[in-house]
Amino acid sequence: MNTHPSRAVFDRVQDPKAFVMLSPSPKILLLLLAILTFTTARPGDLSRATFVDVNVTEVGGTTHFNGYEVSGCGDPRDRTSKANYIITFLYQMKQQLEHVIADANLGTNSEHGYAAFFKSNRNIGKVVAMFEKFVHAWPIIVDADRAPLTEAQTRTPQPRFTCFDETDAKNAAFLRDCTDQPEKDQQFVLFWPGAEIMVVCPNFFTARQFPAAGRNCPELKNGKFNIGDEKLMKSLFAEMVYVLVLLYDRGIREDWTHKWDMQYAVELSSRHSLGFAENYAYYAGAVQGNCTSFPNVAGRRDELRLRQL
């Protein structure tokens, strides 16, 4: 799963002037949105929920929401803006992650694949801690050479979503890295481990965010997933979990030595399961989709978990 953009794009992100063109013109010191009601239809399937007691602030062209920062994405008060869309997604992502955390606390008593993807109750604390980072948008530890270029010139900035003008020739490298992939692998965001920025791709706004229950659940054949089956990853929610794992845990890196799929993921040992971003994404997708069928986990004393403890 190729999620990293080209070196040219990375160099542009490192340039502190690179995103000046992206900042909205008005400077709003404080914006409190007590209730945002969403009724305008948009691409994708994000439900038009009403937000109650949601605080959004905008300072210097950057929108702050629940610890996340959104820059260059328009006026969050405009229900047709990219900023509004991203904030809507983040709000519902937080709700879904809280369900994932509650399920993870059940450990191997979970019916949604905890035993398949993480094997042991000894992993509960680490799994929950990872998802808690996303819920509360903890600061990200960036590389030392990135720190002077962050907005606060710190090695622990907040995670930031940044939009770009797709019609501007200066942003051609961003657009190319967003779309120059096979259709099934086109990116939702571009990101760099060691940096806090996630550049939002056009596909972010058309992807299925939270599939209906059962829609993406995998099928078993002879007690195993089909080779190449990655259904649990087929949502913006699961993909963002994958990206956030790689941003927050610098010890976890993408593994290009294997053909990744769900069957490979459930065959990892208890220890190794914690070191691969896909396991967190598959599991989050399973909880969100209310999926209950997994290899060798028909009961709490499944053979796979016991063999690999």
Protein backbone atom coordinates (compact mmCIF):
# COMPACT_ATOMS: atom_id res chain seq x y z
CA MET A 1 0.00 0.00 0.00
CA ASN A 2 1.92 3.01 -1.30
CA THR A 3 0.92 6.00 0.80
CA HIS A 4 3.97 8.24 0.60
CA PRO A 5 4.32 10.98 -2.05
CA SER A 6 7.36 11.77 -4.13
CA ARG A 7 10.48 13.49 -2.84
CA ALA A 8 9.57 16.64 -4.79
CA VAL A 9 6.30 16.87 -2.91
CA PHE A 10 8.05 16.27 0.41
CA ASP A 11 10.50 19.09 -0.33
CA ARG A 12 7.53 21.37 -1.01
CA VAL A 13 6.02 20.52 2.36
CA GLN A 14 9.34 21.28 4.04
CA ASP A 15 9.25 24.78 2.50
CA PRO A 16 7.63 27.07 5.11
CA LYS A 17 6.22 29.22 2.26
CA ALA A 18 4.70 26.27 0.43
CA PHE A 19 1.25 26.59 1.93
CA VAL A 20 0.92 30.37 2.06
CA MET A 21 -1.37 30.24 -0.97
CA LEU A 22 -3.63 27.87 0.88
CA SER A 23 -4.56 30.18 3.76
CA PRO A 24 -8.03 31.73 3.66
CA SER A 25 -8.03 35.51 3.49
CA PRO A 26 -10.12 36.44 6.58
CA LYS A 27 -8.48 36.15 9.98
CA ILE A 28 -11.04 35.10 12.55
CA LEU A 29 -9.87 35.17 16.15
CA LEU A 30 -12.57 32.98 17.64
CA LEU A 31 -15.45 31.01 16.17
CA LEU A 32 -17.79 29.08 18.41
CA LEU A 33 -20.25 26.78 16.67
CA ALA A 34 -22.63 25.48 19.30
CA ILE A 35 -24.79 23.62 16.81
CA LEU A 36 -24.02 22.74 13.22
CA THR A 37 -26.87 21.16 11.28
CA PHE A 38 -25.87 19.35 8.13
CA THR A 39 -28.52 18.91 5.46
CA THR A 40 -26.71 19.56 2.19
CA ALA A 41 -26.08 16.39 0.18
CA ARG A 42 -22.48 15.66 -0.73
CA PRO A 43 -20.51 12.83 -2.34
CA GLY A 44 -19.94 9.82 -0.13
CA ASP A 45 -22.17 8.55 2.62
CA LEU A 46 -21.38 10.79 5.60
CA SER A 47 -24.67 11.02 7.48
CA ARG A 48 -26.07 14.51 7.94
CA ALA A 49 -25.91 14.44 11.72
CA THR A 50 -26.56 17.45 13.90
CA PHE A 51 -23.61 18.44 16.06
CA VAL A 52 -24.40 19.52 19.60
CA ASP A 53 -21.84 21.24 21.82
CA VAL A 54 -19.08 21.06 19.22
CA ASN A 55 -16.45 23.77 19.58
CA VAL A 56 -14.57 24.90 16.49
CA THR A 57 -12.08 27.75 16.61
CA GLU A 58 -10.28 29.47 13.76
CA VAL A 59 -7.08 31.39 14.38
CA GLY A 60 -4.88 32.84 11.68
CA GLY A 61 -6.55 30.85 8.91
CA THR A 62 -6.22 27.52 10.71
CA THR A 63 -9.29 25.73 12.03
CA HIS A 64 -8.87 23.86 15.32
CA PHE A 65 -11.21 21.01 16.13
CA ASN A 66 -10.79 18.46 18.91
CA GLY A 67 -7.00 18.76 18.73
CA TYR A 68 -6.80 18.44 14.95
CA GLU A 69 -5.84 21.38 12.75
CA VAL A 70 -7.34 22.07 9.31
CA SER A 71 -5.66 24.66 7.09
CA GLY A 72 -6.33 26.03 3.62
CA CYS A 73 -9.66 24.20 3.36
CA GLY A 74 -12.08 27.10 3.40
CA ASP A 75 -14.51 28.56 5.90
CA PRO A 76 -15.71 25.89 8.36
CA ARG A 77 -19.02 27.76 8.66
CA ASP A 78 -19.73 27.09 4.98
CA ARG A 79 -21.42 23.69 4.76
CA THR A 80 -20.09 23.22 1.23
CA SER A 81 -16.46 23.86 2.19
CA LYS A 82 -13.75 21.24 2.49
CA ALA A 83 -13.06 22.37 6.06
CA ASN A 84 -16.65 21.70 7.07
CA TYR A 85 -16.51 18.28 5.40
CA ILE A 86 -13.28 17.30 7.15
CA ILE A 87 -14.55 18.45 10.55
CA THR A 88 -17.75 16.48 10.04
CA PHE A 89 -15.72 13.37 9.32
CA LEU A 90 -13.42 13.92 12.32
CA TYR A 91 -16.40 14.29 14.63
CA GLN A 92 -17.90 11.00 13.50
CA MET A 93 -14.50 9.30 13.42
CA LYS A 94 -14.13 10.16 17.11
CA GLN A 95 -17.49 8.53 17.86
CA GLN A 96 -16.55 5.38 15.96
CA LEU A 97 -13.15 5.19 17.66
CA GLU A 98 -14.83 5.32 21.05
CA HIS A 99 -16.80 2.20 20.04
CA VAL A 100 -13.54 0.55 18.94
CA ILE A 101 -11.91 1.33 22.30
CA ALA A 102 -14.88 -0.09 24.20
CA ASP A 103 -14.67 -3.27 22.13
CA ALA A 104 -10.89 -3.55 22.56
CA ASN A 105 -11.32 -3.40 26.32
CA LEU A 106 -13.24 -6.68 25.99
CA GLY A 107 -10.07 -8.30 24.70
CA THR A 108 -10.54 -11.84 23.47
CA ASN A 109 -14.20 -11.68 24.50
CA SER A 110 -14.75 -9.26 21.62
CA GLU A 111 -16.97 -10.55 18.83
CA HIS A 112 -15.39 -8.24 16.26
CA GLY A 113 -11.98 -9.70 15.66
CA TYR A 114 -9.77 -8.57 18.53
CA ALA A 115 -8.56 -12.15 19.06
CA ALA A 116 -7.90 -12.52 15.33
CA PHE A 117 -5.83 -9.37 14.97
CA PHE A 118 -4.18 -8.97 18.41
CA LYS A 119 -4.38 -12.46 19.90
CA SER A 120 -3.81 -11.81 23.60
CA ASN A 121 -5.41 -9.86 26.44
CA ARG A 122 -1.89 -8.73 27.30
CA ASN A 123 -2.13 -6.43 24.27
CA ILE A 124 -5.28 -4.63 25.39
CA GLY A 125 -3.48 -1.69 26.99
CA LYS A 126 -1.30 -1.02 23.94
CA VAL A 127 -4.15 -1.34 21.48
CA VAL A 128 -6.40 0.97 23.49
CA ALA A 129 -3.57 3.49 23.95
CA MET A 130 -3.07 3.67 20.19
CA PHE A 131 -6.73 4.44 19.49
CA GLU A 132 -6.83 6.95 22.36
CA LYS A 133 -4.20 9.00 20.55
CA PHE A 134 -6.54 9.43 17.60
CA VAL A 135 -9.58 10.23 19.74
CA HIS A 136 -7.80 13.05 21.56
CA ALA A 137 -5.46 14.07 18.71
CA TRP A 138 -2.31 13.87 20.80
CA PRO A 139 0.68 15.87 19.51
CA ILE A 140 2.83 14.08 16.94
CA ILE A 141 6.59 13.73 17.45
CA VAL A 142 8.19 14.98 14.24
CA ASP A 143 11.73 14.73 12.91
CA ALA A 144 14.19 17.32 14.19
CA ASP A 145 14.58 18.97 10.78
CA ARG A 146 10.81 19.32 10.51
CA ALA A 147 10.34 21.02 13.90
CA PRO A 148 11.54 24.54 12.85
CA LEU A 149 9.02 24.48 9.98
CA THR A 150 5.98 23.59 12.05
CA GLU A 151 3.57 26.37 12.91
CA ALA A 152 4.68 26.48 16.55
CA GLN A 153 8.29 25.52 15.77
CA THR A 154 8.09 22.50 17.99
CA ARG A 155 8.80 18.78 17.72
CA THR A 156 5.32 18.01 19.05
CA PRO A 157 2.81 19.78 16.78
CA GLN A 158 -0.83 18.81 16.42
CA PRO A 159 -1.88 16.62 13.48
CA ARG A 160 -2.84 18.85 10.56
CA PHE A 161 -5.00 18.39 7.46
CA THR A 162 -3.99 20.72 4.62
CA CYS A 163 -5.93 21.30 1.39
CA PHE A 164 -4.56 22.48 -1.93
CA ASP A 165 -6.02 24.11 -5.03
CA GLU A 166 -6.29 21.31 -7.58
CA THR A 167 -6.49 23.80 -10.48
CA ASP A 168 -3.23 25.57 -9.60
CA ALA A 169 -0.29 24.35 -11.71
CA LYS A 170 1.99 24.88 -8.72
CA ASN A 171 0.22 21.99 -7.00
CA ALA A 172 0.60 19.52 -9.86
CA ALA A 173 2.95 17.34 -7.83
CA PHE A 174 0.34 16.95 -5.09
CA LEU A 175 -2.38 16.04 -7.56
CA ARG A 176 -0.12 13.57 -9.37
CA ASP A 177 0.81 11.74 -6.17
CA CYS A 178 -2.85 11.67 -5.13
CA THR A 179 -4.04 10.10 -8.37
CA ASP A 180 -1.07 8.40 -10.04
CA GLN A 181 -2.00 5.01 -8.60
CA PRO A 182 -4.23 2.13 -9.68
CA GLU A 183 -7.88 3.04 -9.07
CA LYS A 184 -8.14 0.85 -5.98
CA ASP A 185 -5.03 2.42 -4.46
CA GLN A 186 -5.64 6.11 -5.07
CA GLN A 187 -4.84 8.08 -1.98
CA PHE A 188 -7.14 9.86 0.47
CA VAL A 189 -4.26 11.82 2.01
CA LEU A 190 -0.54 12.20 1.40
CA PHE A 191 1.64 11.98 4.47
CA TRP A 192 5.21 11.55 5.64
CA PRO A 193 6.22 9.67 8.80
CA GLY A 194 8.21 12.20 10.80
CA ALA A 195 5.92 15.09 9.82
CA GLU A 196 2.52 16.17 11.10
CA ILE A 197 0.92 17.20 7.81
CA MET A 198 -1.67 15.21 5.90
CA VAL A 199 -2.33 16.71 2.47
CA VAL A 200 -5.97 16.01 1.58
CA CYS A 201 -6.52 14.38 -1.82
CA PRO A 202 -9.66 14.74 -3.96
CA ASN A 203 -10.62 11.13 -3.16
CA PHE A 204 -11.08 12.08 0.49
CA PHE A 205 -14.31 13.81 -0.43
CA THR A 206 -15.80 11.00 -2.52
CA ALA A 207 -14.80 7.93 -0.51
CA ARG A 208 -17.25 5.85 1.49
CA GLN A 209 -16.58 7.02 5.05
CA PHE A 210 -18.46 4.59 7.29
CA PRO A 211 -19.93 1.58 5.41
CA ALA A 212 -23.26 0.18 6.51
CA ALA A 213 -23.09 -2.75 8.91
CA GLY A 214 -22.06 -5.91 7.10
CA ARG A 215 -21.17 -4.20 3.83
CA ASN A 216 -17.40 -4.71 4.06
CA CYS A 217 -17.31 -7.80 6.24
CA PRO A 218 -14.94 -10.49 4.94
CA GLU A 219 -15.99 -13.97 3.91
CA LEU A 220 -14.37 -17.14 5.16
CA LYS A 221 -13.57 -20.17 3.02
CA ASN A 222 -12.35 -23.29 4.79
CA GLY A 223 -11.66 -21.21 7.89
CA LYS A 224 -9.53 -18.61 6.10
CA PHE A 225 -9.94 -15.29 4.36
CA ASN A 226 -9.70 -15.28 0.59
CA ILE A 227 -6.23 -14.43 -0.70
CA GLY A 228 -5.94 -10.69 -1.33
CA ASP A 229 -9.10 -9.87 0.60
CA GLU A 230 -8.84 -6.38 2.11
CA LYS A 231 -12.52 -5.55 2.47
CA LEU A 232 -12.12 -4.19 5.99
CA MET A 233 -9.77 -1.51 4.65
CA LYS A 234 -12.27 -0.25 2.07
CA SER A 235 -13.45 2.87 3.88
CA LEU A 236 -12.12 6.30 4.67
CA PHE A 237 -12.40 5.46 8.38
CA ALA A 238 -10.16 2.39 8.17
CA GLU A 239 -7.67 4.10 5.87
CA MET A 240 -7.36 7.07 8.22
CA VAL A 241 -6.71 4.71 11.14
CA TYR A 242 -3.91 3.20 9.07
CA VAL A 243 -2.41 6.62 8.31
CA LEU A 244 -2.65 7.83 11.90
CA VAL A 245 -0.93 4.69 13.24
CA LEU A 246 2.04 5.40 10.97
CA LEU A 247 2.14 9.07 11.98
CA TYR A 248 1.89 8.48 15.71
CA ASP A 249 4.10 5.43 16.13
CA ARG A 250 7.45 5.99 14.47
CA GLY A 251 8.40 2.41 15.31
CA ILE A 252 5.75 1.11 12.91
CA ARG A 253 6.60 1.21 9.24
CA GLU A 254 5.01 -0.10 6.11
CA ASP A 255 6.26 -3.58 5.24
CA TRP A 256 6.94 -4.08 1.53
CA THR A 257 8.37 -7.59 1.93
CA HIS A 258 4.94 -9.24 2.03
CA LYS A 259 1.74 -9.13 0.05
CA TRP A 260 -0.52 -7.70 2.71
CA ASP A 261 -4.02 -8.99 3.13
CA MET A 262 -6.28 -9.91 6.06
CA GLN A 263 -5.21 -13.55 6.15
CA TYR A 264 -1.58 -12.53 6.55
CA ALA A 265 -2.59 -10.13 9.32
CA VAL A 266 -4.42 -12.74 11.40
CA GLU A 267 -1.46 -15.13 11.12
CA LEU A 268 0.90 -12.73 12.88
CA SER A 269 1.99 -13.55 16.40
CA SER A 270 0.71 -11.66 19.41
CA ARG A 271 3.88 -9.55 19.57
CA HIS A 272 4.16 -8.84 15.86
CA SER A 273 0.50 -7.94 15.53
CA LEU A 274 1.17 -4.71 17.45
CA GLY A 275 3.81 -3.62 14.95
CA PHE A 276 1.72 -3.43 11.80
CA ALA A 277 -0.62 -0.57 11.00
CA GLU A 278 -2.97 -2.76 8.95
CA ASN A 279 -4.00 -4.74 12.02
CA TYR A 280 -5.36 -1.63 13.73
CA ALA A 281 -7.14 -0.56 10.54
CA TYR A 282 -8.67 -4.00 9.90
CA TYR A 283 -9.85 -4.25 13.49
CA ALA A 284 -11.33 -0.74 13.49
CA GLY A 285 -13.12 -1.54 10.24
CA ALA A 286 -14.48 -4.76 11.73
CA VAL A 287 -15.90 -3.00 14.80
CA GLN A 288 -17.39 -0.19 12.72
CA GLY A 289 -18.92 -2.67 10.27
CA ASN A 290 -20.21 -5.01 13.00
CA CYS A 291 -18.29 -7.92 11.49
CA THR A 292 -18.15 -11.15 13.49
CA SER A 293 -16.62 -13.89 11.29
CA PHE A 294 -12.87 -14.38 11.57
CA PRO A 295 -10.48 -17.32 11.13
CA ASN A 296 -10.12 -19.59 14.15
CA VAL A 297 -12.00 -17.29 16.50
CA ALA A 298 -15.34 -19.02 16.82
CA GLY A 299 -14.93 -19.08 20.59
CA ARG A 300 -12.88 -17.34 23.23
CA ARG A 301 -10.49 -20.31 23.37
CA ASP A 302 -9.60 -20.18 19.69
CA GLU A 303 -6.73 -22.39 18.57
CA LEU A 304 -4.82 -19.66 16.74
CA ARG A 305 -4.62 -17.37 19.77
CA LEU A 306 -3.56 -20.18 22.11
CA ARG A 307 -0.88 -21.38 19.70
CA GLN A 308 0.74 -17.97 19.41
CA LEU A 309 0.64 -16.72 23.00
